[in-house]
């Protein structure tokens, strides 16, 4: 569990210093990673806020159900390189605070049972113009001790500022 903060600290200390990259951008995330919302990236560090849907449990009939979280946090992008789109693709790591909005993670019923810390790691591929595709994984550590790992794909549009 201490691996993600360690990798985040390493990414911050190894931030690239290239002259030709975009130093500031607004990312509009349409699906999941890091959240369905907005992210402002300055150099190698991004701040995001949004909603995060994922299936974590089942209802009484045994059917998977979607749990929604309010999510805000930091993402570090490091070791960036051009994969052919003229924009920088890179691995990323992140840490966020989350508050559950429904199901077994409803924060309105219990602050410890409905909130936690989410860790993300993956790869951001700058596929075309502003289109970014992400593939990664997230680990959710609830303040009550629950721990879950899930895949975390993403789709977003980036606009240089």
Protein backbone atom coordinates (compact mmCIF):
# COMPACT_ATOMS: atom_id res chain seq x y z
CA UNK A 1 0.00 0.00 0.00
CA UNK A 2 2.93 2.33 0.58
CA UNK A 3 4.09 1.66 -2.98
CA UNK A 4 1.74 4.22 -4.62
CA UNK A 5 2.83 7.22 -2.48
CA UNK A 6 6.44 6.15 -3.03
CA UNK A 7 5.96 6.04 -6.81
CA UNK A 8 4.14 9.40 -6.66
CA UNK A 9 7.08 10.96 -4.77
CA UNK A 10 9.50 9.44 -7.29
CA UNK A 11 7.47 10.84 -10.17
CA UNK A 12 7.51 14.31 -8.65
CA UNK A 13 11.27 14.23 -8.15
CA UNK A 14 11.85 12.88 -11.68
CA UNK A 15 9.57 15.37 -13.45
CA UNK A 16 10.74 16.00 -17.00
CA UNK A 17 12.02 19.44 -17.93
CA UNK A 18 11.43 19.56 -21.69
CA UNK A 19 10.87 22.85 -23.52
CA UNK A 20 8.52 21.64 -26.30
CA UNK A 21 5.75 20.10 -24.22
CA UNK A 22 2.47 21.69 -23.18
CA UNK A 23 2.91 22.95 -19.63
CA UNK A 24 -0.74 23.59 -18.83
CA UNK A 25 -3.91 21.90 -20.02
CA UNK A 26 -7.51 21.35 -19.07
CA UNK A 27 -8.67 17.75 -19.38
CA UNK A 28 -12.35 16.99 -19.72
CA UNK A 29 -12.80 13.39 -18.60
CA UNK A 30 -15.83 11.65 -20.10
CA UNK A 31 -15.30 8.28 -18.50
CA UNK A 32 -13.85 7.05 -15.24
CA UNK A 33 -10.07 7.52 -15.06
CA UNK A 34 -9.30 9.55 -12.99
CA UNK A 35 -12.97 10.61 -12.75
CA UNK A 36 -15.85 11.79 -14.91
CA UNK A 37 -15.10 15.46 -14.48
CA UNK A 38 -12.34 18.02 -14.91
CA UNK A 39 -8.60 18.04 -14.39
CA UNK A 40 -6.20 20.96 -14.54
CA UNK A 41 -2.63 19.88 -15.26
CA UNK A 42 0.32 22.21 -14.67
CA UNK A 43 3.64 20.69 -15.80
CA UNK A 44 3.72 17.13 -14.39
CA UNK A 45 1.01 17.53 -11.71
CA UNK A 46 -2.76 17.51 -12.22
CA UNK A 47 -5.66 18.27 -9.86
CA UNK A 48 -8.96 16.55 -10.68
CA UNK A 49 -12.52 16.63 -9.38
CA UNK A 50 -15.50 14.64 -10.54
CA UNK A 51 -17.67 11.57 -10.15
CA UNK A 52 -16.36 8.01 -10.29
CA UNK A 53 -18.70 5.08 -11.09
CA UNK A 54 -17.64 1.49 -10.47
CA UNK A 55 -19.19 -1.87 -9.61
CA UNK A 56 -18.12 -2.92 -6.13
CA UNK A 57 -20.85 -5.18 -4.84
CA UNK A 58 -24.12 -6.94 -5.60
CA UNK A 59 -27.73 -6.31 -4.66
CA UNK A 60 -29.94 -8.87 -2.84
CA UNK A 61 -30.68 -10.65 -6.15
CA UNK A 62 -26.96 -11.15 -6.84
CA UNK A 63 -26.80 -8.57 -9.65
CA UNK A 64 -23.84 -6.19 -9.89
CA UNK A 65 -24.69 -2.62 -8.99
CA UNK A 66 -22.89 0.63 -9.73
CA UNK A 67 -21.59 2.68 -6.83
CA UNK A 68 -20.91 6.39 -7.40
CA UNK A 69 -18.19 8.37 -5.66
CA UNK A 70 -17.35 12.05 -5.45
CA UNK A 71 -13.60 12.06 -6.13
CA UNK A 72 -10.90 14.73 -5.91
CA UNK A 73 -7.15 14.40 -5.86
CA UNK A 74 -3.74 14.71 -7.49
CA UNK A 75 -2.19 12.90 -10.44
CA UNK A 76 1.50 12.89 -11.38
CA UNK A 77 2.52 12.38 -15.01
CA UNK A 78 6.11 11.30 -15.66
CA UNK A 79 8.46 9.92 -18.32
CA UNK A 80 6.40 11.47 -21.13
CA UNK A 81 7.09 10.73 -24.79
CA UNK A 82 5.42 11.23 -28.18
CA UNK A 83 3.65 8.13 -29.53
CA UNK A 84 2.92 9.72 -32.91
CA UNK A 85 0.16 12.21 -32.16
CA UNK A 86 2.52 15.16 -31.59
CA UNK A 87 1.43 15.26 -27.94
CA UNK A 88 2.93 13.67 -24.87
CA UNK A 89 1.78 10.25 -23.63
CA UNK A 90 2.94 9.10 -20.22
CA UNK A 91 2.53 6.78 -17.27
CA UNK A 92 0.69 8.27 -14.30
CA UNK A 93 0.05 7.67 -10.61
CA UNK A 94 -2.52 9.37 -8.44
CA UNK A 95 -4.07 9.60 -5.02
CA UNK A 96 -7.58 10.87 -4.26
CA UNK A 97 -10.10 11.24 -1.49
CA UNK A 98 -13.49 9.71 -2.26
CA UNK A 99 -16.95 9.90 -0.75
CA UNK A 100 -19.52 7.27 -1.67
CA UNK A 101 -22.91 8.51 -2.80
CA UNK A 102 -24.95 5.28 -2.73
CA UNK A 103 -25.12 1.55 -1.91
CA UNK A 104 -22.74 0.16 0.75
CA UNK A 105 -20.47 3.23 0.38
CA UNK A 106 -23.12 5.89 1.17
CA UNK A 107 -21.27 8.56 3.15
CA UNK A 108 -24.57 10.01 4.43
CA UNK A 109 -25.04 6.84 6.50
CA UNK A 110 -21.48 6.51 7.81
CA UNK A 111 -18.41 8.71 7.33
CA UNK A 112 -16.02 5.79 7.92
CA UNK A 113 -18.08 3.35 5.86
CA UNK A 114 -18.64 5.76 2.98
CA UNK A 115 -15.29 7.43 2.45
CA UNK A 116 -11.76 6.43 1.67
CA UNK A 117 -8.60 6.92 -0.34
CA UNK A 118 -8.25 5.82 -3.96
CA UNK A 119 -4.91 5.11 -5.63
CA UNK A 120 -4.56 5.07 -9.42
CA UNK A 121 -1.77 3.93 -11.73
CA UNK A 122 -1.73 3.51 -15.49
CA UNK A 123 -0.84 4.95 -18.86
CA UNK A 124 -2.26 8.01 -20.62
CA UNK A 125 -2.05 7.65 -24.39
CA UNK A 126 -2.37 10.93 -26.32
CA UNK A 127 -4.03 9.15 -29.26
CA UNK A 128 -5.10 11.97 -31.58
CA UNK A 129 -5.32 15.78 -31.35
CA UNK A 130 -6.95 16.23 -27.92
CA UNK A 131 -8.19 12.65 -27.51
CA UNK A 132 -6.64 10.74 -24.61
CA UNK A 133 -7.21 7.07 -23.80
CA UNK A 134 -6.21 5.63 -20.44
CA UNK A 135 -5.64 2.14 -19.18
CA UNK A 136 -4.89 1.49 -15.55
CA UNK A 137 -6.01 0.16 -12.23
CA UNK A 138 -7.33 1.65 -9.02
CA UNK A 139 -7.12 0.54 -5.43
CA UNK A 140 -9.79 1.73 -3.01
CA UNK A 141 -9.01 1.73 0.69
CA UNK A 142 -12.07 2.56 2.78
CA UNK A 143 -11.63 4.34 6.10
CA UNK A 144 -13.29 1.27 7.62
CA UNK A 145 -10.50 -1.02 6.30
CA UNK A 146 -12.14 -2.41 3.16
CA UNK A 147 -9.74 -2.73 0.21
CA UNK A 148 -10.72 -3.33 -3.43
CA UNK A 149 -8.80 -3.30 -6.72
CA UNK A 150 -10.51 -2.68 -10.07
CA UNK A 151 -9.50 -1.83 -13.66
CA UNK A 152 -9.72 1.89 -14.45
CA UNK A 153 -10.01 2.73 -18.15
CA UNK A 154 -10.54 6.32 -19.23
CA UNK A 155 -11.51 8.57 -22.12
CA UNK A 156 -10.87 12.31 -22.15
CA UNK A 157 -10.26 15.41 -24.26
CA UNK A 158 -7.32 17.71 -23.49
CA UNK A 159 -7.21 21.41 -24.28
CA UNK A 160 -3.91 23.35 -23.99
CA UNK A 161 -4.18 26.54 -21.90
